[in-house]
Every structure is written in structure tokens, then in C-alpha cells.
């Protein structure tokens, strides 16, 4: 069983769910990935590889292994490393645990089993089974719109006391459920908001931080937002700017917009995995205009040479 005290830092602050730069041939663009990780380090407390922004469900195993190895070489001692290990079934996640057992991961991030609907009893049993076998402390990942099964506050109340389960990232977009998770957590358990537009209200409720896709491009802005938790006026103003920047997601969806934005900043991260399509020329023009405005405000990671 994993020892949660073995991690270098408790989950919290600003975590970037980093995109995965992949060539048209399906190979990891290692140099590009390393440059992106380096650009994030001054602005974040953690980096999450193999999440939704990283296209985890569609990456080949060999690319995932390379991602974890490279991040482990690049980040130790600099920021906390979260590694997505959740698969569609328990055995798949246990195999991922084996692949990442010797990695530099501080935390393994797991979703519930997917596709088939499960009762709360089945979810609790599955998550506790994984917690018992995890080689690192576990951060739960609640994303029912993709996984098909939700980690309710009732499920969390049963699972959170396990010593290997140290927190949860909630990307459901349901602030009522998020508040319920905060009430259900035991002392020391960390709750992170996974939807950029809900960071400010979540911080007011007592969230311990945020996992924000926009941090790939605008980590300075997101860091300011997370740091403003005690200043209501500033918190609202910064959340309004984050909501404005999130308009890029209307021009191609999560991964396509993030990758287009990074390309426009000079980092050749490539296209989303097929069959998803890259942002169109017209969409890229609109994203470029938005990024220029936010760059003038000093909210973006500096352009790549």
C-alpha cells in the first residue's frame, strides 16, 4: 500500500494538465515537451501528465511511457508530478500501476471504471481495490461526463479515509457536488477544482487549488487567480479574465484550442489525435487575436523563440 507521506508535497495550488505534443506519425515530440514543461515550472505547483488535456485515453502505451519518463527526468525537485493512470477497467489501471511503479510520479491520478454504469457499492469497492494496490499516493479524478460514473460525496465519504487516497480533482462542473465533496472529506484530504470557470467560487467554498487547462498558455493568470483566494474583488476580476480567455474553447474544443494557442506562441505541439481535427485557419485567427490581447496584459507564458 502506498504511503501518502512519501510525496514531496501535498496536492494543491495551481496544477497544469499539460498537453502532449505528438508528431503526425504518432511519436512523442520529446524536445517540444521538455520545453513546455520548463516553461510551466516558474508558474505552477504541479504538472499533471496523461490527463484529458494530454489526450490520455487516445495515446499509445509507448507514448505514455515516454511522457512519464521524460517528465520524471525534467521535473523532480521542481514541481509536483501527477500521472494519469486510470483505465476503463480495474485490471487496466492495475497494469498502469505496474508501468509507473518505478517512475518519478508523486501521485497517480485515477478515474472510476468507465462505460458500464456502476452502483455506489461497486464504485467504492473498485476504488478501494485500486487504493490497496497503488504504488504511489492516489488522487481521485471525478469526470462523469467522460467516465460515465460519478464519484458522489457519498462514495467519497467511504473512500477518502483510505491512507493512500489523498485528494480528488473534480471536473464534473457541478458546484453543488463540489461543495458536498468538501463536506465529505476527512481532515487533511485535498479537493481541487478541475474546471477553469469554477475556480473562484470553489476557492470561496474551501478548495485547495485548481487543475486548469488554460495554464498551458496562461499560467501566470491562473496562478494569480489561485493566489487571490482571500481578496474577493480581485478574485472576481481575475475569474472574469479567465472566463474571457476560455472563449478560445469555442474555436475547436479543449485540445484543439490549447494546441493551436501553443503553436501560435511558437511551440510546435502538433495537432490533436485523430479523429479530432485541429483548429481551422479562421479559428486560429480568432485565437491569435485573443492571445495578443492577453499577452499585452502580461497574463501569458512568454512566447517561445
Protein backbone atom coordinates (compact mmCIF):
# COMPACT_ATOMS: atom_id res chain seq x y z
CA UNK A 1 0.00 0.00 0.00
CA UNK A 2 1.25 3.47 -0.87
CA UNK A 3 2.41 5.80 1.86
CA UNK A 4 0.92 9.27 1.27
CA UNK A 5 3.69 10.86 3.30
CA UNK A 6 6.24 9.76 0.72
CA UNK A 7 5.20 12.51 -1.69
CA UNK A 8 7.23 15.71 -1.77
CA UNK A 9 4.24 17.99 -1.36
CA UNK A 10 0.54 17.70 -0.62
CA UNK A 11 -1.77 18.28 -3.61
CA UNK A 12 -2.84 21.87 -4.07
CA UNK A 13 -2.14 25.24 -5.63
CA UNK A 14 -2.10 25.55 -9.40
CA UNK A 15 -1.63 22.34 -11.36
CA UNK A 16 -1.31 22.35 -15.17
CA UNK A 17 -2.78 19.35 -17.03
CA UNK A 18 -0.18 19.52 -19.77
CA UNK A 19 -0.84 18.78 -23.46
CA UNK A 20 1.09 16.00 -25.19
CA UNK A 21 2.96 17.05 -28.36
CA UNK A 22 2.73 14.17 -30.81
CA UNK A 23 4.04 14.03 -34.38
CA UNK A 24 1.81 13.09 -37.36
CA UNK A 25 3.43 9.63 -37.14
CA UNK A 26 2.23 9.28 -33.53
CA UNK A 27 5.60 9.79 -31.83
CA UNK A 28 6.21 11.98 -28.79
CA UNK A 29 7.94 15.25 -29.67
CA UNK A 30 10.31 14.96 -26.73
CA UNK A 31 12.20 18.22 -27.18
CA UNK A 32 8.99 20.21 -27.53
CA UNK A 33 7.51 18.51 -24.47
CA UNK A 34 10.62 19.29 -22.41
CA UNK A 35 10.49 22.97 -23.44
CA UNK A 36 6.87 23.19 -22.44
CA UNK A 37 7.50 21.62 -19.03
CA UNK A 38 10.34 24.07 -18.40
CA UNK A 39 8.10 27.00 -19.32
CA UNK A 40 5.49 25.93 -16.75
CA UNK A 41 7.79 25.35 -13.78
CA UNK A 42 8.08 29.01 -12.64
CA UNK A 43 4.30 29.41 -12.54
CA UNK A 44 2.77 26.20 -11.15
CA UNK A 45 2.91 23.97 -8.09
CA UNK A 46 2.28 20.84 -10.12
CA UNK A 47 2.17 19.28 -13.58
CA UNK A 48 -0.38 16.62 -14.49
CA UNK A 49 0.62 14.41 -17.43
CA UNK A 50 -1.74 11.97 -19.15
CA UNK A 51 -4.91 13.83 -18.26
CA UNK A 52 -7.75 14.92 -20.53
CA UNK A 53 -5.75 17.85 -21.91
CA UNK A 54 -2.93 15.37 -22.55
CA UNK A 55 -5.27 13.11 -24.58
CA UNK A 56 -4.58 10.19 -22.25
CA UNK A 57 -7.41 7.92 -23.49
CA UNK A 58 -6.08 8.08 -27.07
CA UNK A 59 -2.32 7.79 -26.52
CA UNK A 60 -0.42 4.58 -27.29
CA UNK A 61 1.19 2.87 -24.30
CA UNK A 62 4.68 3.56 -25.61
CA UNK A 63 3.99 7.31 -25.86
CA UNK A 64 2.57 7.32 -22.33
CA UNK A 65 5.70 5.61 -21.02
CA UNK A 66 7.91 8.19 -22.76
CA UNK A 67 5.83 11.05 -21.36
CA UNK A 68 6.19 9.77 -17.80
CA UNK A 69 9.92 9.07 -18.15
CA UNK A 70 10.65 12.50 -19.65
CA UNK A 71 8.54 14.34 -17.09
CA UNK A 72 10.29 12.37 -14.37
CA UNK A 73 13.66 13.47 -15.71
CA UNK A 74 12.62 17.08 -16.17
CA UNK A 75 10.62 17.88 -13.04
CA UNK A 76 11.97 16.19 -9.88
CA UNK A 77 12.57 18.68 -7.10
CA UNK A 78 10.97 21.48 -9.11
CA UNK A 79 7.21 20.84 -9.05
CA UNK A 80 4.88 18.00 -8.04
CA UNK A 81 4.28 15.38 -10.74
CA UNK A 82 0.80 13.86 -11.20
CA UNK A 83 0.47 10.92 -13.61
CA UNK A 84 -2.84 9.79 -15.08
CA UNK A 85 -3.22 6.04 -14.59
CA UNK A 86 -6.97 5.47 -14.82
CA UNK A 87 -8.17 2.98 -17.42
CA UNK A 88 -11.59 1.65 -18.42
CA UNK A 89 -11.39 -1.32 -16.05
CA UNK A 90 -9.67 -2.26 -12.81
CA UNK A 91 -7.18 -4.64 -14.40
CA UNK A 92 -6.16 -1.97 -16.92
CA UNK A 93 -5.49 0.52 -14.13
CA UNK A 94 -3.53 -2.10 -12.17
CA UNK A 95 -1.37 -2.70 -15.25
CA UNK A 96 -0.78 1.07 -15.47
CA UNK A 97 0.28 0.98 -11.82
CA UNK A 98 2.90 -1.62 -12.76
CA UNK A 99 4.17 0.52 -15.65
CA UNK A 100 4.53 3.60 -13.44
CA UNK A 101 5.68 1.90 -10.22
CA UNK A 102 9.31 2.93 -10.75
CA UNK A 103 8.54 6.38 -12.15
CA UNK A 104 9.12 9.76 -10.51
CA UNK A 105 5.38 10.29 -10.06
CA UNK A 106 4.38 11.91 -6.77
CA UNK A 107 0.73 10.96 -7.32
CA UNK A 108 -1.18 8.57 -9.54
CA UNK A 109 -4.49 10.00 -10.73
CA UNK A 110 -7.33 7.51 -11.18
CA UNK A 111 -10.82 7.71 -12.61
CA UNK A 112 -13.58 5.25 -11.75
CA UNK A 113 -14.03 2.31 -14.15
CA UNK A 114 -15.78 3.60 -17.26
CA UNK A 115 -18.51 2.81 -19.81
CA UNK A 116 -20.81 0.50 -17.82
CA UNK A 117 -22.87 2.19 -15.08
CA UNK A 118 -21.89 1.13 -11.56
CA UNK A 119 -23.69 1.33 -8.24
CA UNK A 120 -22.14 3.28 -5.38
CA UNK A 121 -21.25 -0.03 -3.72
CA UNK A 122 -19.40 -1.17 -6.85
CA UNK A 123 -17.61 2.16 -7.18
CA UNK A 124 -16.46 2.08 -3.56
CA UNK A 125 -15.23 -1.50 -3.95
CA UNK A 126 -13.37 -0.67 -7.18
CA UNK A 127 -11.70 2.48 -5.86
CA UNK A 128 -10.64 0.83 -2.61
CA UNK A 129 -9.22 -2.11 -4.55
CA UNK A 130 -7.09 0.32 -6.55
CA UNK A 131 -6.04 2.24 -3.44
CA UNK A 132 -4.87 -1.01 -1.83
CA UNK A 133 -2.63 -1.78 -4.82
CA UNK A 134 -1.37 1.68 -5.76
CA UNK A 135 2.44 2.10 -5.69
CA UNK A 136 2.04 5.85 -5.07
CA UNK A 137 -0.49 8.02 -3.23
CA UNK A 138 -3.70 8.35 -5.22
CA UNK A 139 -5.60 11.43 -6.37
CA UNK A 140 -9.15 10.57 -7.46
CA UNK A 141 -10.44 12.14 -10.68
CA UNK A 142 -14.17 12.81 -10.93
CA UNK A 143 -15.15 13.44 -14.56
CA UNK A 144 -18.52 11.71 -15.05
CA UNK A 145 -19.19 13.34 -18.42
CA UNK A 146 -16.33 11.24 -19.84
CA UNK A 147 -16.04 8.32 -17.41
CA UNK A 148 -19.78 7.66 -17.17
CA UNK A 149 -19.60 7.10 -13.40
CA UNK A 150 -19.53 9.87 -10.82
CA UNK A 151 -17.72 9.96 -7.51
CA UNK A 152 -20.53 11.31 -5.35
CA UNK A 153 -19.97 12.80 -1.89
CA UNK A 154 -21.41 9.55 -0.50
CA UNK A 155 -18.81 7.48 -2.38
CA UNK A 156 -16.07 9.89 -1.38
CA UNK A 157 -17.02 9.58 2.29
CA UNK A 158 -16.36 5.84 2.06
CA UNK A 159 -13.13 6.04 0.04
CA UNK A 160 -11.37 9.16 1.35
CA UNK A 161 -10.31 7.69 4.73
CA UNK A 162 -8.07 5.15 2.95
CA UNK A 163 -4.48 6.18 3.76
CA UNK A 164 -3.38 6.03 0.11
CA UNK A 165 -6.17 8.33 -1.12
CA UNK A 166 -5.01 11.89 -0.56
CA UNK A 167 -7.41 14.01 -2.61
CA UNK A 168 -9.75 14.44 -5.54
CA UNK A 169 -9.82 16.51 -8.69
CA UNK A 170 -13.42 17.32 -9.58
CA UNK A 171 -14.10 18.16 -13.23
CA UNK A 172 -17.84 17.48 -13.15
CA UNK A 173 -18.74 21.15 -13.44
CA UNK A 174 -21.30 20.64 -10.65
CA UNK A 175 -20.60 23.16 -7.90
CA UNK A 176 -23.24 21.62 -5.62
CA UNK A 177 -21.47 18.25 -5.83
CA UNK A 178 -18.14 20.01 -5.27
CA UNK A 179 -19.47 21.57 -2.07
CA UNK A 180 -20.67 18.13 -0.99
CA UNK A 181 -17.21 16.70 -1.55
CA UNK A 182 -15.71 19.41 0.64
CA UNK A 183 -18.16 18.48 3.40
CA UNK A 184 -17.46 14.75 2.98
CA UNK A 185 -13.67 14.92 3.17
CA UNK A 186 -11.73 13.88 6.26
CA UNK A 187 -9.07 16.17 7.78
CA UNK A 188 -6.08 16.67 5.51
CA UNK A 189 -7.87 15.43 2.39
CA UNK A 190 -7.40 17.80 -0.58
CA UNK A 191 -10.10 18.86 -3.05
CA UNK A 192 -9.10 20.51 -6.35
CA UNK A 193 -11.35 22.18 -8.92
CA UNK A 194 -10.84 20.90 -12.48
CA UNK A 195 -13.00 23.39 -14.39
CA UNK A 196 -11.41 26.76 -15.11
CA UNK A 197 -14.66 28.72 -14.92
CA UNK A 198 -15.42 27.47 -11.39
CA UNK A 199 -12.10 28.24 -9.71
CA UNK A 200 -13.15 31.41 -7.86
CA UNK A 201 -16.39 30.03 -6.38
CA UNK A 202 -14.58 26.81 -5.47
CA UNK A 203 -11.84 28.70 -3.63
CA UNK A 204 -14.52 30.55 -1.69
CA UNK A 205 -16.01 27.20 -0.68
CA UNK A 206 -12.62 25.98 0.57
CA UNK A 207 -10.95 24.30 -2.42
CA UNK A 208 -7.24 23.58 -2.05
CA UNK A 209 -6.35 24.56 -5.60
CA UNK A 210 -7.14 24.06 -9.27
CA UNK A 211 -6.15 21.86 -12.19
CA UNK A 212 -6.57 24.33 -15.06
CA UNK A 213 -6.19 23.56 -18.76
CA UNK A 214 -5.68 27.22 -19.61
CA UNK A 215 -2.49 27.14 -17.54
CA UNK A 216 -0.82 25.57 -20.59
CA UNK A 217 -0.91 29.04 -22.13
CA UNK A 218 -1.81 31.44 -19.34
CA UNK A 219 -0.20 30.00 -16.20
CA UNK A 220 0.66 33.50 -14.85
CA UNK A 221 -3.03 34.48 -14.95
CA UNK A 222 -4.20 31.23 -13.37
CA UNK A 223 -1.56 31.49 -10.66
CA UNK A 224 -2.78 34.98 -9.78
CA UNK A 225 -6.34 33.69 -9.59
CA UNK A 226 -5.48 30.82 -7.23
CA UNK A 227 -3.39 33.16 -5.08
CA UNK A 228 -6.24 35.69 -4.77
CA UNK A 229 -8.49 33.44 -2.67
CA UNK A 230 -8.73 35.93 0.23
CA UNK A 231 -9.31 39.05 -1.90
CA UNK A 232 -12.91 38.90 -3.12
CA UNK A 233 -12.72 41.82 -5.53
CA UNK A 234 -9.51 40.62 -7.15
CA UNK A 235 -10.78 37.04 -7.22
CA UNK A 236 -13.85 38.10 -9.20
CA UNK A 237 -11.84 40.29 -11.58
CA UNK A 238 -9.33 37.54 -12.34
CA UNK A 239 -12.05 34.91 -12.76
CA UNK A 240 -13.73 37.20 -15.28
CA UNK A 241 -10.47 37.35 -17.26
CA UNK A 242 -10.12 33.56 -17.15
CA UNK A 243 -13.70 33.21 -18.38
CA UNK A 244 -12.93 35.62 -21.20
CA UNK A 245 -9.83 33.70 -22.25
CA UNK A 246 -11.80 30.45 -22.13
CA UNK A 247 -13.56 31.77 -25.22
CA UNK A 248 -10.78 30.07 -27.19
CA UNK A 249 -12.55 26.76 -26.49
CA UNK A 250 -15.37 27.80 -28.78
CA UNK A 251 -12.87 27.60 -31.66
CA UNK A 252 -12.10 23.91 -31.76
CA UNK A 253 -12.65 22.35 -28.35
CA UNK A 254 -10.30 21.71 -25.44
CA UNK A 255 -7.25 20.05 -27.03
CA UNK A 256 -7.52 21.71 -30.44
CA UNK A 257 -7.73 25.19 -28.89
CA UNK A 258 -4.87 24.60 -26.45
CA UNK A 259 -2.62 23.17 -29.14
CA UNK A 260 -3.48 26.00 -31.54
CA UNK A 261 -2.70 28.53 -28.82
CA UNK A 262 0.66 26.97 -28.07
CA UNK A 263 1.52 26.78 -31.77
CA UNK A 264 0.67 30.47 -32.09
CA UNK A 265 3.02 31.17 -29.17
CA UNK A 266 5.84 29.42 -31.00
CA UNK A 267 5.69 25.92 -29.53
CA UNK A 268 5.05 23.26 -32.25
CA UNK A 269 2.90 20.82 -30.28
CA UNK A 270 1.13 19.46 -33.36
CA UNK A 271 -2.50 18.51 -33.87
CA UNK A 272 -4.98 16.65 -31.68
CA UNK A 273 -5.05 12.89 -32.07
CA UNK A 274 -7.26 11.62 -34.88
CA UNK A 275 -10.15 11.67 -35.50
CA UNK A 276 -10.26 15.03 -33.69
CA UNK A 277 -9.39 17.89 -36.01
CA UNK A 278 -7.07 20.85 -35.46
CA UNK A 279 -8.48 24.35 -35.22
CA UNK A 280 -9.32 25.83 -38.60
CA UNK A 281 -7.48 28.80 -40.10
CA UNK A 282 -10.36 31.09 -39.20
CA UNK A 283 -10.42 29.75 -35.63
CA UNK A 284 -6.67 30.21 -35.30
CA UNK A 285 -7.02 33.84 -36.35
CA UNK A 286 -9.58 34.44 -33.61
CA UNK A 287 -7.46 32.62 -31.02
CA UNK A 288 -4.42 34.66 -32.09
CA UNK A 289 -6.30 37.92 -31.60
CA UNK A 290 -7.39 36.87 -28.11
CA UNK A 291 -3.89 35.79 -27.15
CA UNK A 292 -2.40 39.06 -28.35
CA UNK A 293 -4.77 40.94 -26.07
CA UNK A 294 -3.95 38.75 -23.06
CA UNK A 295 -0.25 38.96 -23.83
CA UNK A 296 -0.45 42.75 -23.59
CA UNK A 297 -1.97 42.29 -20.14
CA UNK A 298 1.01 40.17 -19.07
CA UNK A 299 -1.10 37.06 -18.45
CA UNK A 300 0.58 34.54 -20.77
CA UNK A 301 3.69 32.39 -20.59
CA UNK A 302 6.32 34.24 -22.69
CA UNK A 303 6.47 33.34 -26.35
CA UNK A 304 8.80 30.55 -27.40
CA UNK A 305 11.67 31.58 -29.65
